[in-house]
Protein backbone atom coordinates (compact mmCIF):
# COMPACT_ATOMS: atom_id res chain seq x y z
CA UNK A 1 0.00 0.00 0.00
CA UNK A 2 1.15 3.57 -0.64
CA UNK A 3 0.03 6.68 1.25
CA UNK A 4 0.51 10.45 1.28
CA UNK A 5 -0.49 13.30 3.63
CA UNK A 6 -0.93 16.98 2.78
CA UNK A 7 -1.94 20.11 4.73
CA UNK A 8 -0.03 19.36 7.97
CA UNK A 9 0.99 22.23 10.30
CA UNK A 10 4.48 23.65 9.78
CA UNK A 11 7.01 21.51 11.64
CA UNK A 12 5.20 18.20 11.07
CA UNK A 13 6.01 15.76 8.30
CA UNK A 14 4.76 12.38 7.00
CA UNK A 15 7.10 9.42 6.43
CA UNK A 16 5.70 7.30 3.57
CA UNK A 17 7.90 4.34 4.50
CA UNK A 18 6.99 4.13 8.19
CA UNK A 19 3.53 5.66 7.61
CA UNK A 20 4.13 7.94 10.65
CA UNK A 21 3.71 11.71 11.25
CA UNK A 22 6.57 13.23 13.33
CA UNK A 23 7.91 16.67 14.34
CA UNK A 24 6.97 19.70 16.49
CA UNK A 25 4.47 22.27 15.20
CA UNK A 26 5.84 25.82 15.15
CA UNK A 27 2.51 27.63 14.85
CA UNK A 28 -0.72 27.34 16.83
CA UNK A 29 -4.17 27.00 15.22
CA UNK A 30 -6.52 24.44 13.73
CA UNK A 31 -5.27 22.75 10.58
CA UNK A 32 -6.78 20.26 8.07
CA UNK A 33 -4.65 17.49 6.73
CA UNK A 34 -5.71 15.09 3.92
CA UNK A 35 -4.59 11.47 3.91
CA UNK A 36 -4.67 9.43 0.68
CA UNK A 37 -3.91 5.72 0.37
CA UNK A 38 -3.92 3.21 -2.51
CA UNK A 39 -3.50 -0.57 -2.37
CA UNK A 40 -1.87 -2.96 -4.83
CA UNK A 41 -5.19 -3.60 -6.59
CA UNK A 42 -5.54 0.08 -7.36
CA UNK A 43 -8.26 0.93 -4.87
CA UNK A 44 -7.83 4.47 -3.50
CA UNK A 45 -9.05 5.95 -0.22
CA UNK A 46 -8.96 9.56 1.01
CA UNK A 47 -9.94 11.23 4.28
CA UNK A 48 -9.65 14.70 5.88
CA UNK A 49 -8.04 14.90 9.38
CA UNK A 50 -8.46 17.88 11.73
CA UNK A 51 -5.23 18.81 13.64
CA UNK A 52 -5.37 21.33 16.54
CA UNK A 53 -2.19 23.01 17.87
CA UNK A 54 -2.79 24.72 21.25
CA UNK A 55 -2.63 28.50 21.20
CA UNK A 56 -4.59 31.38 19.77
CA UNK A 57 -4.10 30.54 16.10
CA UNK A 58 -6.97 30.73 13.57
CA UNK A 59 -8.71 27.61 12.19
CA UNK A 60 -7.76 26.71 8.63
CA UNK A 61 -10.42 26.04 5.96
CA UNK A 62 -11.20 22.36 5.43
CA UNK A 63 -9.94 21.20 2.02
CA UNK A 64 -12.27 19.67 -0.58
CA UNK A 65 -12.34 15.93 -0.15
CA UNK A 66 -12.17 13.92 -3.40
CA UNK A 67 -12.43 10.18 -3.30
CA UNK A 68 -11.67 8.46 -6.64
CA UNK A 69 -12.26 4.75 -6.96
CA UNK A 70 -9.84 2.75 -9.05
CA UNK A 71 -10.59 -0.69 -10.47
CA UNK A 72 -8.52 -3.32 -12.21
CA UNK A 73 -9.46 -4.32 -15.77
CA UNK A 74 -8.40 -7.93 -16.04
CA UNK A 75 -8.61 -10.63 -18.71
CA UNK A 76 -9.48 -13.74 -16.74
CA UNK A 77 -8.76 -17.26 -18.01
CA UNK A 78 -7.40 -16.12 -21.38
CA UNK A 79 -6.69 -19.30 -23.29
CA UNK A 80 -3.37 -19.99 -24.94
CA UNK A 81 -2.90 -18.78 -28.47
CA UNK A 82 -2.45 -15.04 -28.12
CA UNK A 83 -1.85 -11.97 -26.00
CA UNK A 84 -3.98 -9.09 -24.73
CA UNK A 85 -2.94 -5.44 -24.30
CA UNK A 86 -4.67 -2.58 -22.49
CA UNK A 87 -5.39 -4.22 -19.14
CA UNK A 88 -4.50 -2.45 -15.88
CA UNK A 89 -5.96 -0.29 -13.11
CA UNK A 90 -8.24 2.57 -14.17
CA UNK A 91 -10.31 5.26 -12.50
CA UNK A 92 -14.06 4.78 -12.32
CA UNK A 93 -15.75 5.80 -15.60
CA UNK A 94 -12.58 5.52 -17.65
CA UNK A 95 -13.09 4.39 -21.28
CA UNK A 96 -10.48 1.81 -22.19
CA UNK A 97 -9.66 -0.09 -25.40
CA UNK A 98 -8.21 -3.57 -25.02
CA UNK A 99 -6.81 -5.48 -27.96
CA UNK A 100 -6.27 -9.18 -28.62
CA UNK A 101 -3.43 -10.42 -30.82
CA UNK A 102 -3.37 -14.05 -31.96
CA UNK A 103 -0.17 -16.06 -31.95
CA UNK A 104 1.08 -17.82 -35.07
CA UNK A 105 -1.24 -20.64 -36.11
CA UNK A 106 -4.09 -19.21 -34.06
CA UNK A 107 -7.07 -16.89 -34.61
CA UNK A 108 -8.79 -14.56 -32.16
CA UNK A 109 -12.31 -15.95 -31.63
CA UNK A 110 -14.02 -13.30 -29.57
CA UNK A 111 -14.40 -11.42 -26.31
CA UNK A 112 -16.81 -13.00 -23.86
CA UNK A 113 -18.31 -12.07 -20.56
CA UNK A 114 -17.03 -14.29 -17.76
CA UNK A 115 -18.30 -15.43 -14.39
CA UNK A 116 -14.91 -14.76 -12.78
CA UNK A 117 -14.93 -12.65 -9.62
CA UNK A 118 -12.27 -10.60 -7.90
CA UNK A 119 -12.19 -13.12 -5.07
CA UNK A 120 -11.07 -15.88 -7.41
CA UNK A 121 -14.51 -17.29 -8.04
CA UNK A 122 -15.52 -19.48 -11.00
CA UNK A 123 -14.36 -18.77 -14.54
CA UNK A 124 -16.33 -19.46 -17.69
CA UNK A 125 -17.22 -17.69 -20.91
CA UNK A 126 -20.90 -16.68 -21.07
CA UNK A 127 -22.24 -14.18 -23.64
CA UNK A 128 -20.24 -13.18 -26.72
CA UNK A 129 -19.37 -9.48 -26.58
CA UNK A 130 -17.57 -8.99 -29.89
CA UNK A 131 -15.57 -10.82 -32.55
CA UNK A 132 -13.52 -7.73 -33.36
CA UNK A 133 -9.93 -7.78 -32.04
CA UNK A 134 -10.38 -4.40 -30.29
CA UNK A 135 -12.97 -3.98 -27.56
CA UNK A 136 -14.04 -0.69 -25.92
CA UNK A 137 -15.06 -0.98 -22.26
CA UNK A 138 -15.98 1.39 -19.46
CA UNK A 139 -14.54 0.67 -16.01
CA UNK A 140 -16.02 -0.70 -13.76
CA UNK A 141 -19.09 -1.59 -15.84
CA UNK A 142 -16.91 -4.33 -17.25
CA UNK A 143 -13.95 -5.52 -15.18
CA UNK A 144 -13.51 -9.16 -16.18
CA UNK A 145 -13.48 -10.42 -19.77
CA UNK A 146 -12.47 -13.64 -21.47
CA UNK A 147 -10.36 -13.62 -24.65
CA UNK A 148 -10.80 -16.72 -26.78
CA UNK A 149 -8.23 -18.01 -29.29
CA UNK A 150 -8.60 -21.05 -31.56
CA UNK A 151 -6.37 -22.76 -34.09
CA UNK A 152 -6.59 -21.93 -37.79
CA UNK A 153 -7.97 -25.42 -38.49
CA UNK A 154 -10.69 -25.02 -35.86
CA UNK A 155 -11.60 -21.65 -37.35
CA UNK A 156 -11.87 -23.00 -40.92
CA UNK A 157 -13.92 -26.04 -39.88
CA UNK A 158 -16.39 -23.83 -37.99
CA UNK A 159 -17.60 -21.94 -41.10
CA UNK A 160 -21.29 -22.50 -41.87
CA UNK A 161 -23.71 -20.90 -44.32
CA UNK A 162 -27.48 -20.90 -44.69
CA UNK A 163 -29.44 -19.03 -47.36
CA UNK A 164 -33.08 -18.21 -46.69
CA UNK A 165 -32.96 -20.61 -43.73
CA UNK A 166 -31.56 -23.59 -45.68
CA UNK A 167 -28.04 -24.90 -44.98
CA UNK A 168 -25.78 -24.79 -48.06
CA UNK A 169 -23.27 -27.32 -49.36
CA UNK A 170 -19.69 -26.41 -50.24
CA UNK A 171 -18.98 -25.84 -53.93
CA UNK A 172 -17.71 -29.11 -55.37
CA UNK A 173 -19.15 -31.18 -52.55
CA UNK A 174 -21.96 -32.87 -54.48
CA UNK A 175 -24.61 -31.21 -56.61
CA UNK A 176 -25.09 -27.48 -55.92
CA UNK A 177 -28.28 -26.31 -54.28
CA UNK A 178 -30.82 -25.38 -57.00
CA UNK A 179 -33.62 -22.85 -56.80
CA UNK A 180 -36.20 -21.43 -59.22
CA UNK A 181 -37.35 -17.83 -59.10
CA UNK A 182 -39.61 -15.74 -61.33
CA UNK A 183 -38.46 -12.95 -63.60
CA UNK A 184 -40.03 -9.68 -62.48
CA UNK A 185 -40.83 -10.88 -58.95
CA UNK A 186 -38.97 -9.45 -55.96
CA UNK A 187 -37.07 -11.93 -53.78
CA UNK A 188 -34.93 -11.74 -50.66
CA UNK A 189 -32.31 -14.36 -49.77
CA UNK A 190 -30.96 -13.61 -46.30
CA UNK A 191 -27.44 -15.02 -45.93
CA UNK A 192 -26.66 -16.36 -42.43
CA UNK A 193 -22.92 -17.06 -42.19
CA UNK A 194 -21.04 -17.94 -39.02
CA UNK A 195 -17.61 -19.02 -37.78
CA UNK A 196 -15.60 -18.94 -34.57
CA UNK A 197 -13.90 -15.71 -35.68
CA UNK A 198 -15.05 -12.52 -37.42
CA UNK A 199 -16.29 -13.10 -40.99
CA UNK A 200 -16.90 -11.33 -44.30
CA UNK A 201 -19.28 -12.46 -47.05
CA UNK A 202 -18.93 -11.92 -50.81
CA UNK A 203 -21.44 -12.94 -53.49
CA UNK A 204 -20.86 -13.29 -57.24
CA UNK A 205 -22.88 -14.52 -60.22
CA UNK A 206 -26.33 -13.24 -59.19
CA UNK A 207 -28.97 -13.00 -61.97
CA UNK A 208 -29.40 -9.49 -63.39
CA UNK A 209 -31.66 -7.43 -61.15
CA UNK A 210 -30.44 -9.00 -57.89
CA UNK A 211 -27.72 -7.53 -55.68
CA UNK A 212 -26.01 -8.40 -52.41
CA UNK A 213 -25.70 -5.89 -49.58
CA UNK A 214 -23.54 -6.52 -46.53
CA UNK A 215 -25.04 -3.54 -44.69
CA UNK A 216 -28.71 -2.88 -43.88
CA UNK A 217 -30.65 -0.72 -46.33
CA UNK A 218 -32.66 1.89 -44.44
CA UNK A 219 -35.00 4.76 -45.20
CA UNK A 220 -36.07 7.74 -43.13
CA UNK A 221 -39.75 8.48 -42.67
CA UNK A 222 -40.74 11.93 -41.47
CA UNK A 223 -38.44 14.68 -40.28
CA UNK A 224 -37.07 16.18 -37.11
CA UNK A 225 -37.52 14.49 -33.74
CA UNK A 226 -40.49 12.47 -34.97
CA UNK A 227 -38.53 10.90 -37.86
CA UNK A 228 -38.36 7.12 -37.87
CA UNK A 229 -35.61 5.06 -39.51
CA UNK A 230 -37.00 1.91 -41.12
CA UNK A 231 -34.86 -1.07 -42.17
CA UNK A 232 -35.97 -2.13 -45.64
CA UNK A 233 -33.39 -4.86 -46.26
CA UNK A 234 -31.31 -6.62 -43.59
CA UNK A 235 -27.52 -6.84 -43.80
CA UNK A 236 -26.05 -9.79 -45.73
CA UNK A 237 -29.06 -10.21 -48.01
CA UNK A 238 -29.47 -10.91 -51.74
CA UNK A 239 -32.48 -8.94 -52.93
CA UNK A 240 -34.19 -7.58 -56.03
CA UNK A 241 -36.30 -8.69 -58.98
CA UNK A 242 -34.66 -10.61 -61.86
CA UNK A 243 -35.00 -8.60 -65.06
CA UNK A 244 -34.92 -11.52 -67.51
CA UNK A 245 -35.52 -15.25 -67.66
CA UNK A 246 -32.61 -17.68 -67.87
CA UNK A 247 -31.55 -18.45 -71.43
CA UNK A 248 -31.77 -21.97 -72.78
CA UNK A 249 -28.58 -24.00 -72.51
CA UNK A 250 -27.00 -26.13 -75.20
CA UNK A 251 -29.02 -29.17 -74.13
CA UNK A 252 -32.29 -27.24 -74.17
CA UNK A 253 -33.26 -26.52 -70.52
CA UNK A 254 -32.53 -23.03 -69.12
CA UNK A 255 -28.92 -22.56 -68.04
CA UNK A 256 -28.84 -21.52 -64.36
CA UNK A 257 -26.88 -18.61 -62.92
CA UNK A 258 -24.06 -20.03 -60.81
CA UNK A 259 -24.26 -17.94 -57.65
CA UNK A 260 -21.12 -18.33 -55.53
CA UNK A 261 -21.02 -17.18 -51.91
CA UNK A 262 -17.62 -16.97 -50.23
CA UNK A 263 -17.25 -16.71 -46.46
CA UNK A 264 -13.84 -15.49 -45.22
CA UNK A 265 -12.70 -15.38 -41.58
CA UNK A 266 -10.31 -13.22 -39.59
CA UNK A 267 -7.91 -16.16 -39.72
CA UNK A 268 -7.81 -15.86 -43.51
CA UNK A 269 -9.71 -19.11 -43.97
CA UNK A 270 -12.49 -19.20 -46.56
CA UNK A 271 -15.18 -21.53 -47.90
CA UNK A 272 -17.19 -21.12 -51.11
CA UNK A 273 -20.77 -22.32 -51.59
CA UNK A 274 -22.76 -22.51 -54.83
CA UNK A 275 -26.42 -22.04 -55.68
CA UNK A 276 -27.75 -22.69 -59.19
CA UNK A 277 -30.51 -20.13 -59.73
CA UNK A 278 -32.93 -20.63 -62.63
CA UNK A 279 -35.03 -17.59 -63.53
CA UNK A 280 -38.40 -18.64 -64.98
CA UNK A 281 -40.21 -16.31 -67.38
CA UNK A 282 -43.40 -14.66 -66.21
CA UNK A 283 -46.42 -16.61 -67.54
CA UNK A 284 -48.15 -14.96 -70.48
CA UNK A 285 -51.29 -14.42 -68.38
CA UNK A 286 -49.32 -12.35 -65.82
CA UNK A 287 -47.89 -9.86 -68.33
CA UNK A 288 -49.17 -7.71 -71.15
CA UNK A 289 -52.03 -5.21 -71.14
CA UNK A 290 -54.98 -5.31 -68.73
CA UNK A 291 -57.97 -2.97 -68.77
CA UNK A 292 -61.42 -2.57 -67.33
CA UNK A 293 -63.26 -1.10 -64.37
CA UNK A 294 -64.97 -2.25 -61.22
CA UNK A 295 -67.38 -1.41 -58.44
CA UNK A 296 -67.55 -1.63 -54.69
CA UNK A 297 -67.50 -5.24 -53.57
CA UNK A 298 -66.76 -7.01 -56.83
CA UNK A 299 -66.84 -7.13 -60.58
CA UNK A 300 -69.57 -5.20 -62.37
CA UNK A 301 -69.66 -7.91 -65.01
CA UNK A 302 -71.58 -11.13 -64.44
CA UNK A 303 -69.13 -13.99 -64.65
CA UNK A 304 -66.31 -11.73 -63.56
CA UNK A 305 -64.09 -12.37 -60.58
CA UNK A 306 -66.35 -11.96 -57.56
CA UNK A 307 -69.61 -12.58 -59.43
CA UNK A 308 -71.32 -9.30 -58.47
CA UNK A 309 -73.33 -8.09 -61.45
CA UNK A 310 -74.78 -4.62 -61.91
CA UNK A 311 -72.30 -2.72 -59.69
CA UNK A 312 -71.39 0.77 -60.89
CA UNK A 313 -67.61 0.91 -61.44
CA UNK A 314 -65.64 3.83 -60.00
CA UNK A 315 -63.65 4.29 -63.17
CA UNK A 316 -61.80 2.86 -66.07
CA UNK A 317 -58.40 1.24 -65.51
CA UNK A 318 -55.71 0.30 -68.00
CA UNK A 319 -52.25 -0.97 -67.19
CA UNK A 320 -49.36 -2.86 -68.73
CA UNK A 321 -47.03 -5.37 -67.08
CA UNK A 322 -43.68 -5.97 -68.78
CA UNK A 323 -41.82 -9.28 -68.93
CA UNK A 324 -39.65 -7.87 -66.10
CA UNK A 325 -42.73 -7.27 -63.93
CA UNK A 326 -42.74 -3.47 -64.34
CA UNK A 327 -46.24 -2.03 -64.00
CA UNK A 328 -47.39 1.18 -65.70
CA UNK A 329 -50.78 2.59 -66.58
CA UNK A 330 -53.56 4.92 -65.56
CA UNK A 331 -57.04 5.03 -64.10
CA UNK A 332 -59.84 7.46 -64.85
CA UNK A 333 -62.32 8.19 -62.11
CA UNK A 334 -64.06 11.03 -60.26
CA UNK A 335 -62.88 13.43 -62.94
CA UNK A 336 -59.25 12.67 -62.14
CA UNK A 337 -56.46 10.81 -63.91
CA UNK A 338 -54.43 8.48 -61.72
CA UNK A 339 -50.96 7.34 -62.81
CA UNK A 340 -50.13 3.76 -61.82
CA UNK A 341 -46.56 2.48 -61.41
CA UNK A 342 -44.61 -0.33 -59.76
CA UNK A 343 -41.03 -1.50 -60.44
CA UNK A 344 -41.91 -5.22 -60.23
CA UNK A 345 -44.21 -7.81 -58.72
CA UNK A 346 -43.59 -8.07 -55.00
CA UNK A 347 -44.61 -11.70 -54.55
CA UNK A 348 -46.11 -14.94 -55.84
CA UNK A 349 -48.68 -17.09 -54.04
CA UNK A 350 -50.80 -20.12 -54.79
CA UNK A 351 -54.24 -19.71 -53.21
CA UNK A 352 -56.81 -22.50 -53.49
CA UNK A 353 -54.79 -23.99 -56.33
CA UNK A 354 -54.79 -20.72 -58.28
CA UNK A 355 -51.54 -18.90 -59.10
CA UNK A 356 -51.34 -15.22 -58.12
CA UNK A 357 -48.72 -12.54 -58.77
CA UNK A 358 -48.91 -9.54 -56.44
CA UNK A 359 -47.56 -5.99 -56.82
CA UNK A 360 -47.65 -2.88 -54.62
CA UNK A 361 -48.66 -0.18 -57.09
CA UNK A 362 -48.22 3.54 -56.43
CA UNK A 363 -51.20 5.58 -57.65
CA UNK A 364 -50.35 9.27 -58.13
CA UNK A 365 -52.72 12.08 -58.94
CA UNK A 366 -53.19 15.84 -58.56
CA UNK A 367 -56.22 17.95 -57.78
CA UNK A 368 -56.98 21.56 -56.97
CA UNK A 369 -57.75 23.13 -53.62
CA UNK A 370 -59.01 26.50 -54.73
CA UNK A 371 -56.35 27.70 -57.15
CA UNK A 372 -53.59 25.56 -55.69
CA UNK A 373 -52.61 22.26 -57.33
CA UNK A 374 -52.07 19.46 -54.84
CA UNK A 375 -50.11 16.30 -55.70
CA UNK A 376 -50.57 13.14 -53.71
CA UNK A 377 -50.26 9.36 -53.94
CA UNK A 378 -51.43 6.13 -52.41
CA UNK A 379 -50.44 2.47 -52.61
CA UNK A 380 -52.89 -0.12 -53.96
CA UNK A 381 -52.37 -3.82 -54.43
CA UNK A 382 -52.45 -5.43 -57.85
CA UNK A 383 -53.19 -9.17 -58.04
CA UNK A 384 -52.80 -10.96 -61.37
CA UNK A 385 -54.51 -14.37 -61.62
CA UNK A 386 -54.64 -17.26 -64.01
CA UNK A 387 -58.36 -17.37 -64.84
CA UNK A 388 -57.98 -19.99 -67.57
CA UNK A 389 -58.89 -17.64 -70.45
CA UNK A 390 -55.76 -15.55 -70.74
CA UNK A 391 -55.43 -14.05 -67.26
CA UNK A 392 -57.00 -11.23 -65.28
CA UNK A 393 -55.93 -8.76 -62.62
CA UNK A 394 -57.56 -6.94 -59.74
CA UNK A 395 -56.64 -3.73 -57.96
CA UNK A 396 -57.54 -3.98 -54.27
CA UNK A 397 -58.77 -1.01 -52.19
CA UNK A 398 -59.03 1.19 -55.25
CA UNK A 399 -61.64 3.91 -54.63
CA UNK A 400 -62.46 1.73 -51.59
CA UNK A 401 -63.45 -0.93 -54.07
CA UNK A 402 -62.40 -4.11 -55.79
CA UNK A 403 -61.57 -3.33 -59.40
CA UNK A 404 -61.35 -6.16 -61.92
CA UNK A 405 -59.21 -5.77 -65.02
CA UNK A 406 -59.33 -8.35 -67.78
CA UNK A 407 -56.46 -9.25 -70.03
CA UNK A 408 -56.83 -7.29 -73.27
CA UNK A 409 -56.55 -9.00 -76.61
CA UNK A 410 -55.53 -6.81 -79.56
CA UNK A 411 -58.44 -5.64 -81.67
CA UNK A 412 -57.00 -7.40 -84.69
CA UNK A 413 -57.75 -10.66 -82.84
CA UNK A 414 -60.91 -9.99 -80.86
CA UNK A 415 -62.37 -7.44 -83.26
CA UNK A 416 -62.86 -10.00 -86.03
CA UNK A 417 -65.59 -11.59 -83.94
CA UNK A 418 -67.62 -8.39 -83.66
CA UNK A 419 -69.55 -6.29 -86.13
CA UNK A 420 -68.71 -2.70 -85.20
CA UNK A 421 -72.14 -1.35 -86.09
CA UNK A 422 -73.95 -4.14 -84.26
CA UNK A 423 -71.74 -3.61 -81.21
CA UNK A 424 -72.52 0.11 -81.22
CA UNK A 425 -76.26 -0.60 -81.20
CA UNK A 426 -75.79 -3.22 -78.48
CA UNK A 427 -74.22 -0.54 -76.31
CA UNK A 428 -76.98 1.87 -77.21
CA UNK A 429 -79.68 -0.68 -76.41
CA UNK A 430 -78.08 -1.44 -73.02
CA UNK A 431 -78.38 2.25 -72.22
CA UNK A 432 -82.21 2.15 -72.35
CA UNK A 433 -83.89 4.77 -70.23
CA UNK A 434 -87.26 5.72 -68.77
CA UNK A 435 -88.72 8.86 -67.23
CA UNK A 436 -87.10 7.93 -63.94
CA UNK A 437 -84.52 10.63 -63.21
CA UNK A 438 -81.92 8.13 -61.93
CA UNK A 439 -82.19 6.11 -65.12
CA UNK A 440 -81.97 9.20 -67.30
CA UNK A 441 -78.68 10.22 -65.73
CA UNK A 442 -77.07 6.92 -66.68
CA UNK A 443 -78.26 6.58 -70.24
CA UNK A 444 -76.04 6.68 -73.29
CA UNK A 445 -78.12 7.65 -76.30
CA UNK A 446 -77.59 7.89 -80.02
CA UNK A 447 -76.33 11.23 -81.27
CA UNK A 448 -78.57 13.59 -83.24
CA UNK A 449 -77.95 11.51 -86.32
CA UNK A 450 -79.06 8.38 -84.53
CA UNK A 451 -75.75 6.77 -83.90
CA UNK A 452 -73.05 5.97 -81.37
CA UNK A 453 -69.60 6.07 -82.92
CA UNK A 454 -66.96 3.58 -81.88
CA UNK A 455 -63.38 3.74 -83.13
CA UNK A 456 -61.14 0.74 -82.47
CA UNK A 457 -57.37 0.78 -82.04
CA UNK A 458 -55.11 -2.21 -82.66
CA UNK A 459 -54.36 -2.34 -78.91
CA UNK A 460 -58.01 -3.05 -78.13
CA UNK A 461 -58.81 0.48 -76.91
CA UNK A 462 -62.08 2.01 -78.11
CA UNK A 463 -62.99 5.69 -78.61
CA UNK A 464 -66.67 6.48 -77.91
CA UNK A 465 -68.73 9.47 -79.04
CA UNK A 466 -72.46 10.07 -78.94
CA UNK A 467 -75.09 11.81 -76.86
CA UNK A 468 -75.60 11.71 -73.11
CA UNK A 469 -79.18 11.93 -71.81
CA UNK A 470 -79.64 14.68 -69.23
CA UNK A 471 -83.42 14.82 -68.88
CA UNK A 472 -86.85 14.82 -70.53
CA UNK A 473 -88.58 17.89 -72.00
CA UNK A 474 -92.30 17.47 -71.29
CA UNK A 475 -93.36 20.28 -73.61
CA UNK A 476 -91.35 18.99 -76.54
CA UNK A 477 -91.95 15.38 -75.53
CA UNK A 478 -88.32 14.40 -76.09
CA UNK A 479 -85.18 13.69 -74.18
CA UNK A 480 -82.53 16.37 -73.71
CA UNK A 481 -78.92 15.43 -74.39
CA UNK A 482 -75.41 16.80 -74.46
CA UNK A 483 -72.50 15.67 -76.56
CA UNK A 484 -70.33 13.08 -74.90
CA UNK A 485 -66.92 11.71 -75.74
CA UNK A 486 -64.81 9.19 -73.93
CA UNK A 487 -62.88 5.98 -74.05
CA UNK A 488 -63.76 2.34 -73.70
CA UNK A 489 -62.09 -1.03 -73.66
CA UNK A 490 -63.50 -4.22 -75.11
CA UNK A 491 -62.18 -7.30 -73.29
CA UNK A 492 -63.14 -10.98 -73.16
CA UNK A 493 -64.74 -12.18 -69.93
CA UNK A 494 -65.39 -15.83 -70.73
CA UNK A 495 -66.36 -18.03 -73.65
CA UNK A 496 -69.82 -16.42 -73.90
CA UNK A 497 -69.38 -12.79 -72.93
CA UNK A 498 -67.23 -9.74 -73.50
CA UNK A 499 -67.25 -6.52 -71.50
CA UNK A 500 -67.14 -2.90 -72.59
CA UNK A 501 -65.80 -0.51 -69.95
CA UNK A 502 -66.80 3.04 -70.90
CA UNK A 503 -65.61 6.32 -69.37
CA UNK A 504 -67.60 9.29 -70.68
CA UNK A 505 -67.04 13.01 -70.26
CA UNK A 506 -70.37 14.69 -71.14
CA UNK A 507 -70.06 18.37 -71.95
CA UNK A 508 -70.58 20.46 -68.82
CA UNK A 509 -71.24 17.43 -66.62
CA UNK A 510 -69.14 15.26 -64.30
CA UNK A 511 -67.50 12.14 -65.81
CA UNK A 512 -69.72 9.13 -66.16
CA UNK A 513 -68.84 5.46 -65.99
CA UNK A 514 -70.61 2.57 -67.70
CA UNK A 515 -69.80 -1.10 -67.69
CA UNK A 516 -71.74 -3.17 -70.24
CA UNK A 517 -71.79 -6.87 -70.88
CA UNK A 518 -71.97 -7.90 -74.52
CA UNK A 519 -72.78 -11.42 -75.77
CA UNK A 520 -69.94 -13.06 -77.64
CA UNK A 521 -70.93 -13.37 -81.31
CA UNK A 522 -71.93 -16.89 -82.21
């Protein structure tokens, strides 16, 4: 133990060797001495001592007493195979960095908490603190740590890899793991690699559209103190949507992408694993052009998905899905134009034996609040299904509704089955009206020349022009109309029916939606 004394009266002195105070004071008064002591373990003690020398002297001011605790930072039970620097005795609250250095033929395998106690109690590694060679600690929050070292062979043999929860085989050790994924559909392959020492992961040979990230991908929502950081993709994950299907190999079947994942350790050991990834093309029914409309609760077309006939659709929808799953299109409704977009399908599911591709579609639109233009957006879910007649798609929660969109066939194919003039009169006949005001407001009439004009594009889109019934003139005994123009889409529903989705903009009136079912020509 070492000790020191300060503040003694003149004539007195402290002997650090004998730990005694000797001498004769030369001045009377009341004095304050301060004794400090520290033991071999680094613990420090301090105390103020009042010394009175008889006489008429004045009392001295008591010094400020500061007691600082010192603690040893010790690596307990460090195994053979390396050395540790940075241990010692430190003041309470001191931030200290300790470092482990492996000996030749060995690898540092982590800092661990230990059950060791200052009184020589039990020793055993408990929780892993870090695999990094340097460790920052605060004394005395952490006073005892365990440094683990292993041999290079032990380190190499400890390497393991699992992708998306499935353990992988080493490249060259039997047939590589094989997986099939869809072009245009987003996937995530979390890579879980482990070893006794610190590791790094590298990935090569991923199909186009996929990438590997060794750090988490985050985004910030909001601003200021209320902002929230959201993790979109975890660290060590392969993610993305393949942009193209695998090409056919020499023997005929698609040639897989040879994805190689290499895990390297701090001991410079490494193991490589292989996955053969085959990218399947999107089915024909899940890509191409879709169009139509829908109403609250189900399809407005009898025989459509949901089976709810007679519902008034909220608008007309048209969209295109590319072979890479990219969605683009628009919707007309409530006098607004909505732009639809998604970079890819977000998933694939089989529900009740039916295949479904799903996409999160951003719908963007602008409207006016007074004279100010306001831009906004929402996310709706697109579900493409195999309906057995070329495919269909639905947009969930659109206008708080369920909107069905049928796969569009080009007019050059479907149009041959229809007589344009007969189809025009079929639409006109379906728009029959009475003196009931509600019926009048939904009627599509012939124009003043007695006709409804339909113009057909090769894509299957239809341009509509005619007259829109607005009321009935009792004096003149005839219906009043305004000119109306708009667009429509003719799509097959089943083997017996087709549907015409019409979006009209009558002059001076709000937009009007019609959904008509037309018998398939026999």
